[in-house]
Amino acid sequence: MDSISVLNIDLFQKGKNTSDFYFSRVQNHLIVGHRHLEKAHRHDFYATILFTKGSGVHEIDFQKYDVSAGSLFFMSPGQIHSWELSSDIEGYLFFCLQDFYEMHYVNQKLRNFPFFGSVNFPRKLQLNSEELYENINLFLAVEKEYHTQNIMKNGLMLSLMSQIFINSTRRFSRDFDNLASSASLSYFKHYQEFETLVEENFTKEKSIVFYSDLLKISSKHLNRITQTVVQKTATDVVTERVILEAKRMLMYLDESLVEIAFRLGYEEYSYFVRVFRKTSGLTPTQFIKKYKS
């Protein structure tokens, strides 16, 4: 049985008539949602969080990120996260359901933004002082509109959100030169298609030929795409997705290691252990001891 909490956006709305979007100051959010946020959990919505003061550690899918003024985080539905934050923490956050954004932007999908579209993409962007000031103003504008009943309220909030997402994509591309060229951006779209197929099939299919056939490209070209976008082979992308799910299951499912291995498509438990250790540096048992301690 799954023991990890899956939080939905309604938990934080407190009677609001809009259940597909939520905005709050971080310090207020921690007070309102304390009983839900005190341990690792996952969401069924997209989350954007900007820290403006304080410090701490934010862990997303077993990757730890330092928190400081200017730390901007993006999380997709299903990701497991937890944090340890200082008492003087301040910032802003907003949550939205996929339909809230995509019903208004028919040709723009949240997954088109690299920080929402790929499990292999960093979830933190560290802003400099000028970028932080710019983002604070955008978040404050979203907050102001969120608390009004003005005509075309959602349209303005969505426009402001898009500015945050687009500016952040450009800043990520500044830090990651491989996303800067138009050719690489085309590769990223193909990579997203690959990751979508992996997400749908990784427990059953681990062969790169399977995925390259569905994409109607050669295995060699698929590897060229993954090496360009995330500096990994296509096999690495599939394997790491399997092991990420294994970590989630090891932490939050009350099942034996053999059962988890079988659910992930490994008939031989010993082979699953070898793959897990090669990818994570730990055996499944060592991983459980490390994180549950």
Protein backbone atom coordinates (compact mmCIF):
# COMPACT_ATOMS: atom_id res chain seq x y z
CA MET A 1 0.00 0.00 0.00
CA ASP A 2 1.31 3.47 -0.94
CA SER A 3 2.12 5.32 2.27
CA ILE A 4 3.24 8.66 0.82
CA SER A 5 0.77 11.53 0.78
CA VAL A 6 -0.42 12.77 -2.61
CA LEU A 7 -1.55 16.35 -2.05
CA ASN A 8 -4.14 17.95 -4.29
CA ILE A 9 -4.66 21.65 -4.81
CA ASP A 10 -8.01 21.72 -2.96
CA LEU A 11 -6.20 21.16 0.35
CA PHE A 12 -4.88 24.71 0.24
CA GLN A 13 -7.83 26.62 -1.19
CA LYS A 14 -9.91 27.24 1.95
CA GLY A 15 -13.19 27.95 0.19
CA LYS A 16 -11.81 29.69 -2.90
CA ASN A 17 -14.07 29.38 -5.92
CA THR A 18 -11.09 28.51 -8.12
CA SER A 19 -9.77 25.02 -7.49
CA ASP A 20 -7.26 24.83 -10.32
CA PHE A 21 -4.87 27.61 -9.22
CA TYR A 22 -3.38 28.60 -5.86
CA PHE A 23 -1.03 31.37 -4.79
CA SER A 24 0.56 32.01 -1.41
CA ARG A 25 3.56 33.48 0.36
CA VAL A 26 5.87 30.65 1.42
CA GLN A 27 5.76 31.58 5.10
CA ASN A 28 1.94 31.55 5.10
CA HIS A 29 1.79 28.33 3.10
CA LEU A 30 3.94 26.55 5.66
CA ILE A 31 1.57 27.57 8.44
CA VAL A 32 -1.64 26.68 6.60
CA GLY A 33 -0.37 23.36 5.26
CA HIS A 34 1.91 22.32 8.11
CA ARG A 35 0.26 18.98 8.84
CA HIS A 36 0.53 18.03 5.16
CA LEU A 37 4.06 19.36 4.55
CA GLU A 38 6.01 18.04 7.49
CA LYS A 39 7.20 14.91 5.66
CA ALA A 40 7.97 13.86 2.09
CA HIS A 41 4.96 14.06 -0.19
CA ARG A 42 3.99 14.45 -3.81
CA HIS A 43 1.55 16.70 -5.68
CA ASP A 44 -0.98 16.20 -8.46
CA PHE A 45 -0.26 19.71 -9.79
CA TYR A 46 2.58 21.84 -11.18
CA ALA A 47 4.40 23.99 -8.61
CA THR A 48 6.63 27.06 -8.91
CA ILE A 49 8.41 28.33 -5.79
CA LEU A 50 10.61 31.42 -5.37
CA PHE A 51 12.61 31.91 -2.16
CA THR A 52 13.52 35.51 -1.33
CA LYS A 53 15.00 35.11 2.16
CA GLY A 54 16.30 32.38 4.43
CA SER A 55 18.10 29.12 3.76
CA GLY A 56 17.65 25.37 3.80
CA VAL A 57 17.67 22.23 1.72
CA HIS A 58 14.99 21.22 -0.79
CA GLU A 59 15.00 17.57 -1.89
CA ILE A 60 13.18 16.65 -5.11
CA ASP A 61 13.17 13.01 -6.23
CA PHE A 62 16.19 12.27 -4.01
CA GLN A 63 18.20 15.17 -5.45
CA LYS A 64 19.17 17.74 -2.81
CA TYR A 65 19.28 21.44 -3.67
CA ASP A 66 20.48 24.28 -1.45
CA VAL A 67 17.91 27.00 -0.73
CA SER A 68 18.86 30.68 -0.54
CA ALA A 69 17.51 34.04 -1.67
CA GLY A 70 16.97 33.76 -5.42
CA SER A 71 16.35 30.00 -5.53
CA LEU A 72 13.55 29.32 -8.02
CA PHE A 73 12.12 25.79 -8.12
CA PHE A 74 9.84 24.01 -10.57
CA MET A 75 8.07 20.72 -9.82
CA SER A 76 5.88 18.47 -11.94
CA PRO A 77 3.02 16.23 -10.78
CA GLY A 78 4.18 13.00 -9.16
CA GLN A 79 7.58 14.18 -7.98
CA ILE A 80 8.44 13.42 -4.37
CA HIS A 81 9.77 16.35 -2.37
CA SER A 82 10.58 17.49 1.13
CA TRP A 83 12.44 20.43 2.62
CA GLU A 84 14.15 21.69 5.73
CA LEU A 85 13.88 25.48 5.86
CA SER A 86 15.16 28.12 8.27
CA SER A 87 12.70 29.93 10.51
CA ASP A 88 13.21 33.20 8.64
CA ILE A 89 12.24 31.72 5.25
CA GLU A 90 10.27 33.96 2.88
CA GLY A 91 9.12 33.73 -0.70
CA TYR A 92 6.22 33.11 -3.05
CA LEU A 93 4.67 30.07 -4.69
CA PHE A 94 1.87 29.15 -7.02
CA PHE A 95 0.32 25.83 -7.99
CA CYS A 96 -1.75 25.07 -11.07
CA LEU A 97 -3.41 22.11 -12.68
CA GLN A 98 -2.46 21.24 -16.22
CA ASP A 99 -5.88 22.17 -17.60
CA PHE A 100 -5.76 25.64 -16.05
CA TYR A 101 -2.80 26.54 -18.23
CA GLU A 102 -3.39 24.46 -21.34
CA MET A 103 -7.07 25.26 -21.87
CA HIS A 104 -6.03 28.89 -22.34
CA TYR A 105 -2.85 28.18 -24.29
CA VAL A 106 -3.92 25.54 -26.78
CA ASN A 107 -0.59 25.53 -28.62
CA GLN A 108 1.59 25.78 -25.52
CA LYS A 109 1.98 22.87 -23.13
CA LEU A 110 3.57 22.99 -19.70
CA ARG A 111 5.77 20.07 -20.73
CA ASN A 112 7.26 22.30 -23.44
CA PHE A 113 9.17 24.11 -20.71
CA PRO A 114 12.30 22.01 -20.06
CA PHE A 115 12.02 22.15 -16.26
CA PHE A 116 8.52 20.63 -16.46
CA GLY A 117 9.12 18.39 -19.47
CA SER A 118 12.08 16.26 -18.45
CA VAL A 119 12.87 14.29 -15.30
CA ASN A 120 16.54 14.70 -16.26
CA PHE A 121 16.43 18.50 -16.19
CA PRO A 122 17.47 20.51 -13.08
CA ARG A 123 14.56 21.72 -10.96
CA LYS A 124 16.36 24.73 -9.51
CA LEU A 125 17.39 28.00 -11.12
CA GLN A 126 19.56 30.33 -9.01
CA LEU A 127 18.79 33.95 -9.83
CA ASN A 128 21.16 36.89 -9.48
CA SER A 129 19.98 40.07 -7.72
CA GLU A 130 18.61 41.68 -10.89
CA GLU A 131 16.76 38.53 -11.92
CA LEU A 132 15.39 38.10 -8.41
CA TYR A 133 14.02 41.66 -8.41
CA GLU A 134 12.36 41.05 -11.78
CA ASN A 135 10.78 37.81 -10.61
CA ILE A 136 9.56 39.26 -7.33
CA ASN A 137 7.66 41.89 -9.32
CA LEU A 138 6.08 39.20 -11.51
CA PHE A 139 5.09 37.08 -8.51
CA LEU A 140 3.64 40.15 -6.77
CA ALA A 141 1.61 40.93 -9.88
CA VAL A 142 0.24 37.37 -9.89
CA GLU A 143 -0.57 37.68 -6.18
CA LYS A 144 -2.40 40.98 -6.68
CA GLU A 145 -4.54 39.57 -9.48
CA TYR A 146 -5.20 36.33 -7.59
CA HIS A 147 -6.98 38.27 -4.85
CA THR A 148 -9.20 40.27 -7.23
CA GLN A 149 -12.36 39.48 -9.15
CA ASN A 150 -11.39 41.56 -12.17
CA ILE A 151 -12.58 40.76 -15.66
CA MET A 152 -10.14 38.44 -17.52
CA LYS A 153 -8.39 37.69 -14.22
CA ASN A 154 -7.16 34.26 -15.29
CA GLY A 155 -5.87 35.60 -18.58
CA LEU A 156 -3.63 38.12 -16.86
CA MET A 157 -2.36 35.58 -14.32
CA LEU A 158 -1.56 33.14 -17.11
CA SER A 159 0.29 35.85 -19.02
CA LEU A 160 2.41 36.64 -15.96
CA MET A 161 3.07 32.94 -15.34
CA SER A 162 4.18 32.54 -18.95
CA GLN A 163 6.65 35.40 -18.52
CA ILE A 164 8.14 33.59 -15.52
CA PHE A 165 8.34 30.30 -17.44
CA ILE A 166 9.76 31.81 -20.64
CA ASN A 167 12.33 33.96 -18.83
CA SER A 168 13.38 30.93 -16.80
CA THR A 169 13.76 28.79 -19.93
CA ARG A 170 16.04 31.47 -21.41
CA ARG A 171 18.11 31.60 -18.23
CA PHE A 172 18.45 27.84 -18.19
CA SER A 173 19.60 27.94 -21.82
CA ARG A 174 22.18 30.55 -20.83
CA ASP A 175 23.56 28.11 -18.27
CA PHE A 176 23.27 25.07 -20.54
CA ASP A 177 24.76 25.91 -23.92
CA ASN A 178 23.44 22.69 -25.45
CA LEU A 179 19.91 24.13 -25.37
CA ALA A 180 20.81 27.44 -26.98
CA SER A 181 20.89 26.65 -30.69
CA SER A 182 17.82 26.12 -32.84
CA ALA A 183 19.11 22.67 -33.81
CA SER A 184 19.35 21.69 -30.15
CA LEU A 185 15.87 23.06 -29.46
CA SER A 186 14.61 20.79 -32.21
CA TYR A 187 16.44 17.92 -30.54
CA PHE A 188 14.78 18.80 -27.26
CA LYS A 189 11.33 18.38 -28.81
CA HIS A 190 12.34 14.93 -30.04
CA TYR A 191 13.79 14.19 -26.63
CA GLN A 192 10.48 15.10 -25.01
CA GLU A 193 8.71 12.65 -27.31
CA PHE A 194 11.21 10.00 -26.25
CA GLU A 195 10.70 10.73 -22.54
CA THR A 196 6.92 10.59 -23.00
CA LEU A 197 7.26 7.12 -24.51
CA VAL A 198 9.63 6.08 -21.73
CA GLU A 199 7.13 7.30 -19.13
CA GLU A 200 4.43 5.15 -20.69
CA ASN A 201 6.51 2.00 -21.17
CA PHE A 202 9.57 1.89 -18.90
CA THR A 203 8.28 -0.92 -16.68
CA LYS A 204 7.75 -3.17 -19.69
CA GLU A 205 10.21 -2.03 -22.36
CA LYS A 206 13.86 -1.19 -21.81
CA SER A 207 15.17 -1.79 -25.34
CA ILE A 208 16.33 1.32 -27.20
CA VAL A 209 15.29 -0.30 -30.48
CA PHE A 210 11.70 -0.37 -29.18
CA TYR A 211 11.73 3.40 -28.62
CA SER A 212 13.63 4.32 -31.78
CA ASP A 213 11.15 2.26 -33.84
CA LEU A 214 8.21 4.14 -32.30
CA LEU A 215 9.94 7.45 -33.01
CA LYS A 216 10.76 6.29 -36.56
CA ILE A 217 14.44 7.11 -36.18
CA SER A 218 17.56 4.99 -35.84
CA SER A 219 18.95 4.01 -32.45
CA LYS A 220 22.11 5.89 -33.38
CA HIS A 221 20.15 9.11 -33.97
CA LEU A 222 18.20 8.64 -30.73
CA ASN A 223 21.51 8.41 -28.87
CA ARG A 224 22.70 11.56 -30.64
CA ILE A 225 19.57 13.36 -29.41
CA THR A 226 19.92 12.24 -25.79
CA GLN A 227 23.65 13.02 -25.75
CA THR A 228 22.94 16.53 -27.05
CA VAL A 229 20.11 17.32 -24.63
CA VAL A 230 21.12 15.59 -21.38
CA GLN A 231 24.62 14.22 -22.09
CA LYS A 232 23.43 10.65 -21.54
CA THR A 233 22.87 7.64 -23.74
CA ALA A 234 19.30 6.62 -24.49
CA THR A 235 19.88 3.48 -22.42
CA ASP A 236 20.95 5.63 -19.47
CA VAL A 237 17.74 7.69 -19.74
CA VAL A 238 15.56 4.58 -19.62
CA THR A 239 17.57 2.94 -16.84
CA GLU A 240 17.63 6.06 -14.68
CA ARG A 241 13.86 6.45 -15.04
CA VAL A 242 13.40 2.86 -13.88
CA ILE A 243 15.72 3.37 -10.92
CA LEU A 244 14.00 6.62 -9.93
CA GLU A 245 10.72 4.71 -9.76
CA ALA A 246 12.46 1.95 -7.85
CA LYS A 247 13.64 4.49 -5.25
CA ARG A 248 10.13 5.88 -4.90
CA MET A 249 8.70 2.39 -4.45
CA LEU A 250 11.40 1.28 -2.03
CA MET A 251 10.64 4.26 0.18
CA TYR A 252 6.87 4.33 0.05
CA LEU A 253 5.49 0.90 -0.85
CA ASP A 254 5.05 -1.87 1.68
CA GLU A 255 6.27 -4.59 -0.68
CA SER A 256 9.26 -6.89 -0.75
CA LEU A 257 12.30 -6.06 -2.85
CA VAL A 258 11.55 -9.04 -5.09
CA GLU A 259 7.98 -7.79 -5.69
CA ILE A 260 9.21 -4.31 -6.55
CA ALA A 261 11.80 -5.70 -8.96
CA PHE A 262 9.10 -7.77 -10.67
CA ARG A 263 6.75 -4.77 -10.95
CA LEU A 264 9.54 -2.86 -12.67
CA GLY A 265 10.00 -5.58 -15.26
CA TYR A 266 12.92 -7.51 -13.78
CA GLU A 267 12.28 -11.23 -13.51
CA GLU A 268 15.70 -11.82 -11.92
CA TYR A 269 16.08 -9.96 -8.64
CA SER A 270 19.89 -10.30 -8.74
CA TYR A 271 19.98 -8.45 -12.09
CA PHE A 272 17.76 -5.67 -10.68
CA VAL A 273 20.19 -5.27 -7.75
CA ARG A 274 23.16 -4.99 -10.15
CA VAL A 275 21.41 -2.33 -12.25
CA PHE A 276 20.32 -0.42 -9.14
CA ARG A 277 23.84 -0.46 -7.67
CA LYS A 278 25.48 0.54 -10.93
CA THR A 279 23.10 3.49 -11.37
CA SER A 280 22.84 4.77 -7.80
CA GLY A 281 26.05 3.53 -6.17
CA LEU A 282 24.06 1.64 -3.52
CA THR A 283 22.19 -1.64 -3.30
CA PRO A 284 18.42 -1.36 -2.70
CA THR A 285 18.96 -2.38 0.94
CA GLN A 286 21.68 0.22 1.46
CA PHE A 287 19.46 2.88 -0.15
CA ILE A 288 16.59 2.08 2.24
CA LYS A 289 18.90 2.27 5.26
CA LYS A 290 20.36 5.58 4.11
CA TYR A 291 17.04 7.36 3.51
CA LYS A 292 14.96 5.85 6.27
CA SER A 293 17.59 6.71 8.85
